Amino acid sequence: MVKAEMILKLVMAPSESHLAFVESYLNLLPDTDVSDFQKVLEMKGFKRSEQVEMVELLRRTANIPDTEDPGTAPDQDSSRIRKLEKLIKEAVVSTQSTGEDRQHPGYGGPGHGSRSGFQ
């Protein structure tokens, strides 16, 4: 019951900063792991991007190695998401440099070429 009370304190308390929240978490629940921390972050209503940042902050603050929980899906998902974001950024940059985002391939814009036989 004590652990549940500590979790309620964390979830209900206002969070001034990410670091303050992580420190409060470690003070109230010193014997914990990353998956418990992620569950608390979800209950608290943090966005997914904030959760990733805060898990990294927890690992640095508590000296938890990245390989502590290799089988968890959130870590694998975040890695996949980072790779996908990188691919999207590369595609956007290449599209902007070629100008394809402003016009369809083969279409010269208004006033260019004929309109398929319509006069």
Protein backbone atom coordinates (compact mmCIF):
# COMPACT_ATOMS: atom_id res chain seq x y z
CA MET A 1 0.00 0.00 0.00
CA VAL A 2 2.91 2.34 0.63
CA LYS A 3 4.08 2.09 -2.99
CA ALA A 4 0.59 2.93 -4.26
CA GLU A 5 0.49 5.99 -2.01
CA MET A 6 3.87 7.15 -3.30
CA ILE A 7 2.72 6.71 -6.90
CA LEU A 8 -0.42 8.75 -6.15
CA LYS A 9 1.71 11.52 -4.66
CA LEU A 10 3.81 11.62 -7.82
CA VAL A 11 0.85 11.56 -10.18
CA MET A 12 -1.15 14.21 -8.30
CA ALA A 13 1.72 16.61 -7.54
CA PRO A 14 2.39 19.48 -9.95
CA SER A 15 5.65 19.07 -11.85
CA GLU A 16 7.83 22.16 -12.02
CA SER A 17 10.50 20.62 -14.23
CA HIS A 18 11.48 17.25 -15.62
CA LEU A 19 14.53 17.08 -13.36
CA ALA A 20 12.47 17.90 -10.26
CA PHE A 21 9.97 15.18 -11.18
CA VAL A 22 12.73 12.59 -11.68
CA GLU A 23 14.34 13.53 -8.36
CA SER A 24 10.97 13.30 -6.56
CA TYR A 25 10.38 9.92 -8.17
CA LEU A 26 13.76 8.61 -7.02
CA ASN A 27 13.20 9.96 -3.50
CA LEU A 28 9.75 8.42 -3.16
CA LEU A 29 10.42 5.15 -5.02
CA PRO A 30 14.15 4.37 -4.76
CA ASP A 31 13.74 0.63 -5.51
CA THR A 32 12.22 0.88 -8.95
CA ASP A 33 12.96 0.25 -12.60
CA VAL A 34 12.43 2.01 -15.93
CA SER A 35 9.17 0.22 -16.75
CA ASP A 36 7.59 1.41 -13.47
CA PHE A 37 8.78 4.94 -14.24
CA GLN A 38 7.21 4.77 -17.71
CA LYS A 39 3.89 3.67 -16.20
CA VAL A 40 3.96 6.63 -13.81
CA LEU A 41 4.72 8.99 -16.70
CA GLU A 42 1.72 7.62 -18.60
CA MET A 43 -0.53 8.09 -15.55
CA LYS A 44 0.81 11.62 -15.16
CA GLY A 45 -0.17 12.36 -18.77
CA PHE A 46 3.22 13.18 -20.26
CA LYS A 47 3.47 13.11 -24.04
CA ARG A 48 5.40 10.26 -25.64
CA SER A 49 8.25 12.56 -26.68
CA GLU A 50 8.53 13.88 -23.12
CA GLN A 51 8.51 10.34 -21.76
CA VAL A 52 11.52 9.40 -23.86
CA GLU A 53 13.41 12.47 -22.63
CA MET A 54 12.49 11.80 -19.02
CA VAL A 55 13.49 8.13 -19.18
CA GLU A 56 16.91 9.24 -20.44
CA LEU A 57 17.06 11.79 -17.62
CA LEU A 58 16.17 9.08 -15.09
CA ARG A 59 18.89 6.81 -16.48
CA ARG A 60 21.50 9.57 -16.23
CA THR A 61 20.39 10.69 -12.77
CA ALA A 62 20.15 7.20 -11.27
CA ASN A 63 23.08 5.77 -13.27
CA ILE A 64 20.88 3.13 -14.88
CA PRO A 65 22.55 1.64 -17.98
CA ASP A 66 20.69 1.71 -21.30
CA THR A 67 20.80 -2.09 -21.46
CA GLU A 68 18.92 -2.51 -18.16
CA ASP A 69 15.68 -3.42 -19.92
CA PRO A 70 16.57 -4.55 -23.45
CA GLY A 71 13.31 -6.38 -24.11
CA THR A 72 10.93 -3.50 -23.50
CA ALA A 73 8.86 -2.39 -26.44
CA PRO A 74 9.00 1.38 -25.69
CA ASP A 75 12.79 1.41 -26.09
CA GLN A 76 12.58 -0.53 -29.33
CA ASP A 77 9.76 1.69 -30.56
CA SER A 78 11.68 4.87 -29.76
CA SER A 79 14.66 3.58 -31.71
CA ARG A 80 12.45 2.79 -34.67
CA ILE A 81 10.77 6.16 -34.39
CA ARG A 82 14.15 7.93 -34.41
CA LYS A 83 15.16 6.04 -37.56
CA LEU A 84 11.83 6.89 -39.21
CA GLU A 85 12.17 10.56 -38.25
CA LYS A 86 15.66 10.61 -39.78
CA LEU A 87 14.36 9.10 -43.03
CA ILE A 88 11.50 11.60 -43.17
CA LYS A 89 13.84 14.54 -42.59
CA GLU A 90 16.16 13.31 -45.34
CA ALA A 91 13.20 12.93 -47.71
CA VAL A 92 11.93 16.42 -46.89
CA VAL A 93 15.35 17.96 -47.45
CA SER A 94 15.83 16.19 -50.78
CA THR A 95 12.29 17.11 -51.87
CA GLN A 96 12.82 20.76 -51.01
CA SER A 97 16.12 20.91 -52.85
CA THR A 98 14.58 19.50 -56.06
CA GLY A 99 11.38 21.54 -55.79
CA GLU A 100 9.11 18.49 -56.02
CA ASP A 101 7.03 19.65 -53.10
CA ARG A 102 5.75 22.62 -55.13
CA GLN A 103 4.64 20.74 -58.22
CA HIS A 104 3.79 17.28 -59.40
CA PRO A 105 6.37 15.54 -61.60
CA GLY A 106 5.60 16.22 -65.24
CA TYR A 107 3.34 19.14 -64.45
CA GLY A 108 4.72 22.56 -65.25
CA GLY A 109 2.10 24.48 -63.32
CA PRO A 110 -0.64 26.75 -64.64
CA GLY A 111 -0.16 27.98 -68.18
CA HIS A 112 2.43 25.36 -69.10
CA GLY A 113 1.65 22.93 -71.87
CA SER A 114 -1.68 21.81 -73.22
CA ARG A 115 -4.63 20.48 -71.28
CA SER A 116 -5.02 17.02 -72.76
CA GLY A 117 -6.66 18.23 -75.98
CA PHE A 118 -9.00 20.77 -74.38
CA GLN A 119 -8.71 24.17 -76.04
